[in-house]
Amino acid sequence: MAVAPAPRHRNGWGDELELVLREALRTIKFGSVTLIIQDGKVIQVDKNEKVRLRKPEFIDGGGI
């Protein structure tokens, strides 16, 4: 029995990929979103978010 392929949009992306990308881009403030591609297909989405401190208190390392 053959498995049906995931639905694709006119841009060639699957529904799941579009939802994951939209959510990652919507929620990130500083950082990066990386697509991991294998054999021409996206297999993973990594979201690396930076947290910026407003007022660094221990900039001289005194608190470490």
PDB file of N, CA and C in Angstrom:
ATOM      1  N   MET A   1       0.845  -1.174   0.000  1.00  0.00           N
ATOM      2  CA  MET A   1       0.000   0.000   0.000  1.00  0.00           C
ATOM      3  C   MET A   1       0.893   1.241   0.000  1.00  0.00           C
ATOM      4  N   ALA A   2       0.686   2.143  -0.907  1.00  0.00           N
ATOM      5  CA  ALA A   2       1.492   3.360  -1.034  1.00  0.00           C
ATOM      6  C   ALA A   2       1.016   4.416  -0.047  1.00  0.00           C
ATOM      7  N   VAL A   3       1.975   5.172   0.480  1.00  0.00           N
ATOM      8  CA  VAL A   3       1.650   6.260   1.393  1.00  0.00           C
ATOM      9  C   VAL A   3       1.526   7.543   0.587  1.00  0.00           C
ATOM     10  N   ALA A   4       0.458   8.283   0.827  1.00  0.00           N
ATOM     11  CA  ALA A   4       0.235   9.526   0.090  1.00  0.00           C
ATOM     12  C   ALA A   4       1.245  10.580   0.540  1.00  0.00           C
ATOM     13  N   PRO A   5       1.803  11.336  -0.399  1.00  0.00           N
ATOM     14  CA  PRO A   5       2.740  12.394  -0.016  1.00  0.00           C
ATOM     15  C   PRO A   5       2.030  13.517   0.741  1.00  0.00           C
ATOM     16  N   ALA A   6       2.799  14.250   1.540  1.00  0.00           N
ATOM     17  CA  ALA A   6       2.233  15.372   2.288  1.00  0.00           C
ATOM     18  C   ALA A   6       1.694  16.415   1.313  1.00  0.00           C
ATOM     19  N   PRO A   7       0.597  17.066   1.684  1.00  0.00           N
ATOM     20  CA  PRO A   7       0.052  18.112   0.805  1.00  0.00           C
ATOM     21  C   PRO A   7       1.092  19.195   0.558  1.00  0.00           C
ATOM     22  N   ARG A   8       1.127  19.713  -0.650  1.00  0.00           N
ATOM     23  CA  ARG A   8       2.088  20.753  -1.000  1.00  0.00           C
ATOM     24  C   ARG A   8       1.355  22.009  -1.438  1.00  0.00           C
ATOM     25  N   HIS A   9       1.955  23.136  -1.101  1.00  0.00           N
ATOM     26  CA  HIS A   9       1.418  24.418  -1.541  1.00  0.00           C
ATOM     27  C   HIS A   9       1.964  24.729  -2.917  1.00  0.00           C
ATOM     28  N   ARG A  10       1.487  25.816  -3.476  1.00  0.00           N
ATOM     29  CA  ARG A  10       1.958  26.212  -4.811  1.00  0.00           C
ATOM     30  C   ARG A  10       3.440  26.496  -4.832  1.00  0.00           C
ATOM     31  N   ASN A  11       4.042  26.799  -3.653  1.00  0.00           N
ATOM     32  CA  ASN A  11       5.473  27.070  -3.614  1.00  0.00           C
ATOM     33  C   ASN A  11       6.298  25.793  -3.455  1.00  0.00           C
ATOM     34  N   GLY A  12       5.647  24.629  -3.359  1.00  0.00           N
ATOM     35  CA  GLY A  12       6.353  23.358  -3.259  1.00  0.00           C
ATOM     36  C   GLY A  12       6.624  22.905  -1.832  1.00  0.00           C
ATOM     37  N   TRP A  13       6.297  23.731  -0.828  1.00  0.00           N
ATOM     38  CA  TRP A  13       6.521  23.365   0.562  1.00  0.00           C
ATOM     39  C   TRP A  13       5.329  22.574   1.076  1.00  0.00           C
ATOM     40  N   GLY A  14       5.577  21.716   2.031  1.00  0.00           N
ATOM     41  CA  GLY A  14       4.498  21.001   2.689  1.00  0.00           C
ATOM     42  C   GLY A  14       3.846  21.869   3.751  1.00  0.00           C
ATOM     43  N   ASP A  15       2.655  21.497   4.169  1.00  0.00           N
ATOM     44  CA  ASP A  15       1.920  22.241   5.189  1.00  0.00           C
ATOM     45  C   ASP A  15       2.700  22.329   6.497  1.00  0.00           C
ATOM     46  N   GLU A  16       3.282  21.218   6.920  1.00  0.00           N
ATOM     47  CA  GLU A  16       4.003  21.193   8.194  1.00  0.00           C
ATOM     48  C   GLU A  16       5.190  22.148   8.173  1.00  0.00           C
ATOM     49  N   LEU A  17       5.964  22.137   7.102  1.00  0.00           N
ATOM     50  CA  LEU A  17       7.123  23.024   6.997  1.00  0.00           C
ATOM     51  C   LEU A  17       6.690  24.482   7.049  1.00  0.00           C
ATOM     52  N   GLU A  18       5.641  24.828   6.336  1.00  0.00           N
ATOM     53  CA  GLU A  18       5.187  26.214   6.352  1.00  0.00           C
ATOM     54  C   GLU A  18       4.753  26.642   7.746  1.00  0.00           C
ATOM     55  N   LEU A  19       4.028  25.780   8.448  1.00  0.00           N
ATOM     56  CA  LEU A  19       3.588  26.114   9.802  1.00  0.00           C
ATOM     57  C   LEU A  19       4.769  26.299  10.749  1.00  0.00           C
ATOM     58  N   VAL A  20       5.755  25.406  10.667  1.00  0.00           N
ATOM     59  CA  VAL A  20       6.934  25.484  11.538  1.00  0.00           C
ATOM     60  C   VAL A  20       7.726  26.753  11.250  1.00  0.00           C
ATOM     61  N   LEU A  21       7.931  27.067   9.972  1.00  0.00           N
ATOM     62  CA  LEU A  21       8.680  28.271   9.607  1.00  0.00           C
ATOM     63  C   LEU A  21       7.947  29.537  10.037  1.00  0.00           C
ATOM     64  N   ARG A  22       6.661  29.593   9.795  1.00  0.00           N
ATOM     65  CA  ARG A  22       5.901  30.786  10.192  1.00  0.00           C
ATOM     66  C   ARG A  22       5.966  31.004  11.699  1.00  0.00           C
ATOM     67  N   GLU A  23       5.836  29.941  12.476  1.00  0.00           N
ATOM     68  CA  GLU A  23       5.887  30.046  13.939  1.00  0.00           C
ATOM     69  C   GLU A  23       7.274  30.479  14.404  1.00  0.00           C
ATOM     70  N   ALA A  24       8.320  29.900  13.832  1.00  0.00           N
ATOM     71  CA  ALA A  24       9.689  30.267  14.209  1.00  0.00           C
ATOM     72  C   ALA A  24       9.952  31.736  13.904  1.00  0.00           C
ATOM     73  N   LEU A  25       9.545  32.194  12.743  1.00  0.00           N
ATOM     74  CA  LEU A  25       9.782  33.585  12.347  1.00  0.00           C
ATOM     75  C   LEU A  25       8.905  34.563  13.126  1.00  0.00           C
ATOM     76  N   ARG A  26       7.718  34.123  13.488  1.00  0.00           N
ATOM     77  CA  ARG A  26       6.806  34.986  14.233  1.00  0.00           C
ATOM     78  C   ARG A  26       7.287  35.213  15.664  1.00  0.00           C
ATOM     79  N   THR A  27       7.908  34.198  16.266  1.00  0.00           N
ATOM     80  CA  THR A  27       8.248  34.261  17.689  1.00  0.00           C
ATOM     81  C   THR A  27       9.685  34.664  17.982  1.00  0.00           C
ATOM     82  N   ILE A  28      10.552  34.719  16.996  1.00  0.00           N
ATOM     83  CA  ILE A  28      11.952  35.040  17.260  1.00  0.00           C
ATOM     84  C   ILE A  28      12.163  36.555  17.245  1.00  0.00           C
ATOM     85  N   LYS A  29      12.970  37.041  18.196  1.00  0.00           N
ATOM     86  CA  LYS A  29      13.262  38.472  18.241  1.00  0.00           C
ATOM     87  C   LYS A  29      14.702  38.731  17.794  1.00  0.00           C
ATOM     88  N   PHE A  30      15.644  37.977  18.333  1.00  0.00           N
ATOM     89  CA  PHE A  30      17.051  38.046  17.931  1.00  0.00           C
ATOM     90  C   PHE A  30      17.538  36.616  17.735  1.00  0.00           C
ATOM     91  N   GLY A  31      18.269  36.353  16.677  1.00  0.00           N
ATOM     92  CA  GLY A  31      18.810  35.015  16.474  1.00  0.00           C
ATOM     93  C   GLY A  31      18.716  34.576  15.032  1.00  0.00           C
ATOM     94  N   SER A  32      18.568  33.260  14.841  1.00  0.00           N
ATOM     95  CA  SER A  32      18.532  32.732  13.486  1.00  0.00           C
ATOM     96  C   SER A  32      17.619  31.516  13.395  1.00  0.00           C
ATOM     97  N   VAL A  33      17.122  31.293  12.187  1.00  0.00           N
ATOM     98  CA  VAL A  33      16.355  30.092  11.870  1.00  0.00           C
ATOM     99  C   VAL A  33      17.112  29.404  10.738  1.00  0.00           C
ATOM    100  N   THR A  34      17.475  28.147  10.953  1.00  0.00           N
ATOM    101  CA  THR A  34      18.292  27.393   9.998  1.00  0.00           C
ATOM    102  C   THR A  34      17.519  26.194   9.480  1.00  0.00           C
ATOM    103  N   LEU A  35      17.544  26.008   8.162  1.00  0.00           N
ATOM    104  CA  LEU A  35      16.934  24.824   7.556  1.00  0.00           C
ATOM    105  C   LEU A  35      18.018  23.788   7.328  1.00  0.00           C
ATOM    106  N   ILE A  36      17.787  22.563   7.771  1.00  0.00           N
ATOM    107  CA  ILE A  36      18.697  21.448   7.529  1.00  0.00           C
ATOM    108  C   ILE A  36      18.113  20.653   6.364  1.00  0.00           C
ATOM    109  N   ILE A  37      18.916  20.517   5.311  1.00  0.00           N
ATOM    110  CA  ILE A  37      18.442  19.876   4.078  1.00  0.00           C
ATOM    111  C   ILE A  37      19.254  18.619   3.802  1.00  0.00           C
ATOM    112  N   GLN A  38      18.560  17.560   3.464  1.00  0.00           N
ATOM    113  CA  GLN A  38      19.208  16.290   3.118  1.00  0.00           C
ATOM    114  C   GLN A  38      18.512  15.734   1.881  1.00  0.00           C
ATOM    115  N   ASP A  39      19.284  15.372   0.899  1.00  0.00           N
ATOM    116  CA  ASP A  39      18.743  14.840  -0.357  1.00  0.00           C
ATOM    117  C   ASP A  39      17.706  15.779  -0.973  1.00  0.00           C
ATOM    118  N   GLY A  40      17.964  17.092  -0.860  1.00  0.00           N
ATOM    119  CA  GLY A  40      17.085  18.074  -1.464  1.00  0.00           C
ATOM    120  C   GLY A  40      15.791  18.326  -0.716  1.00  0.00           C
ATOM    121  N   LYS A  41      15.647  17.782   0.502  1.00  0.00           N
ATOM    122  CA  LYS A  41      14.424  17.969   1.283  1.00  0.00           C
ATOM    123  C   LYS A  41      14.769  18.527   2.655  1.00  0.00           C
ATOM    124  N   VAL A  42      13.926  19.426   3.145  1.00  0.00           N
ATOM    125  CA  VAL A  42      14.110  19.970   4.488  1.00  0.00           C
ATOM    126  C   VAL A  42      13.734  18.883   5.491  1.00  0.00           C
ATOM    127  N   ILE A  43      14.687  18.521   6.358  1.00  0.00           N
ATOM    128  CA  ILE A  43      14.422  17.475   7.342  1.00  0.00           C
ATOM    129  C   ILE A  43      14.365  18.018   8.768  1.00  0.00           C
ATOM    130  N   GLN A  44      14.824  19.271   8.950  1.00  0.00           N
ATOM    131  CA  GLN A  44      14.878  19.825  10.297  1.00  0.00           C
ATOM    132  C   GLN A  44      14.903  21.347  10.215  1.00  0.00           C
ATOM    133  N   VAL A  45      14.294  21.990  11.217  1.00  0.00           N
ATOM    134  CA  VAL A  45      14.343  23.440  11.344  1.00  0.00           C
ATOM    135  C   VAL A  45      14.902  23.733  12.729  1.00  0.00           C
ATOM    136  N   ASP A  46      16.020  24.474  12.780  1.00  0.00           N
ATOM    137  CA  ASP A  46      16.630  24.864  14.045  1.00  0.00           C
ATOM    138  C   ASP A  46      16.355  26.334  14.297  1.00  0.00           C
ATOM    139  N   LYS A  47      15.946  26.644  15.518  1.00  0.00           N
ATOM    140  CA  LYS A  47      15.729  28.037  15.919  1.00  0.00           C
ATOM    141  C   LYS A  47      16.719  28.337  17.038  1.00  0.00           C
ATOM    142  N   ASN A  48      17.607  29.283  16.786  1.00  0.00           N
ATOM    143  CA  ASN A  48      18.628  29.672  17.749  1.00  0.00           C
ATOM    144  C   ASN A  48      18.323  31.103  18.165  1.00  0.00           C
ATOM    145  N   GLU A  49      17.790  31.255  19.376  1.00  0.00           N
ATOM    146  CA  GLU A  49      17.363  32.579  19.814  1.00  0.00           C
ATOM    147  C   GLU A  49      18.337  33.163  20.820  1.00  0.00           C
ATOM    148  N   LYS A  50      18.672  34.415  20.626  1.00  0.00           N
ATOM    149  CA  LYS A  50      19.559  35.142  21.522  1.00  0.00           C
ATOM    150  C   LYS A  50      18.718  35.891  22.548  1.00  0.00           C
ATOM    151  N   VAL A  51      19.241  35.977  23.757  1.00  0.00           N
ATOM    152  CA  VAL A  51      18.594  36.747  24.809  1.00  0.00           C
ATOM    153  C   VAL A  51      19.493  37.928  25.117  1.00  0.00           C
ATOM    154  N   ARG A  52      19.010  39.126  24.864  1.00  0.00           N
ATOM    155  CA  ARG A  52      19.793  40.332  25.080  1.00  0.00           C
ATOM    156  C   ARG A  52      19.470  40.901  26.454  1.00  0.00           C
ATOM    157  N   LEU A  53      20.507  41.155  27.236  1.00  0.00           N
ATOM    158  CA  LEU A  53      20.342  41.749  28.550  1.00  0.00           C
ATOM    159  C   LEU A  53      20.299  43.263  28.408  1.00  0.00           C
ATOM    160  N   ARG A  54      19.393  43.898  29.113  1.00  0.00           N
ATOM    161  CA  ARG A  54      19.266  45.351  29.027  1.00  0.00           C
ATOM    162  C   ARG A  54      20.434  46.060  29.710  1.00  0.00           C
ATOM    163  N   LYS A  55      20.849  45.565  30.869  1.00  0.00           N
ATOM    164  CA  LYS A  55      21.912  46.213  31.616  1.00  0.00           C
ATOM    165  C   LYS A  55      22.853  45.140  32.167  1.00  0.00           C
ATOM    166  N   PRO A  56      23.931  44.833  31.447  1.00  0.00           N
ATOM    167  CA  PRO A  56      24.874  43.826  31.946  1.00  0.00           C
ATOM    168  C   PRO A  56      25.492  44.281  33.267  1.00  0.00           C
ATOM    169  N   GLU A  57      25.283  43.502  34.336  1.00  0.00           N
ATOM    170  CA  GLU A  57      25.748  43.888  35.673  1.00  0.00           C
ATOM    171  C   GLU A  57      27.178  43.427  35.953  1.00  0.00           C
ATOM    172  N   PHE A  58      27.586  42.321  35.391  1.00  0.00           N
ATOM    173  CA  PHE A  58      28.897  41.758  35.708  1.00  0.00           C
ATOM    174  C   PHE A  58      29.787  41.764  34.473  1.00  0.00           C
ATOM    175  N   ILE A  59      29.864  42.878  33.810  1.00  0.00           N
ATOM    176  CA  ILE A  59      30.610  42.948  32.558  1.00  0.00           C
ATOM    177  C   ILE A  59      32.114  42.715  32.761  1.00  0.00           C
ATOM    178  N   ASP A  60      32.635  42.996  33.992  1.00  0.00           N
ATOM    179  CA  ASP A  60      34.050  42.798  34.265  1.00  0.00           C
ATOM    180  C   ASP A  60      34.351  41.382  34.751  1.00  0.00           C
ATOM    181  N   GLY A  61      33.345  40.520  34.842  1.00  0.00           N
ATOM    182  CA  GLY A  61      33.554  39.154  35.311  1.00  0.00           C
ATOM    183  C   GLY A  61      33.565  39.034  36.813  1.00  0.00           C
ATOM    184  N   GLY A  62      33.293  40.114  37.524  1.00  0.00           N
ATOM    185  CA  GLY A  62      33.330  40.111  38.979  1.00  0.00           C
ATOM    186  C   GLY A  62      32.315  39.197  39.629  1.00  0.00           C
ATOM    187  N   GLY A  63      31.271  38.840  38.914  1.00  0.00           N
ATOM    188  CA  GLY A  63      30.248  37.974  39.492  1.00  0.00           C
ATOM    189  C   GLY A  63      30.433  36.507  39.169  1.00  0.00           C
ATOM    190  N   ILE A  64      31.519  36.184  38.486  1.00  0.00           N
ATOM    191  CA  ILE A  64      31.713  34.797  38.077  1.00  0.00           C
ATOM    192  C   ILE A  64      32.615  34.104  39.063  1.00  0.00           C
TER     193      ILE A  64
END
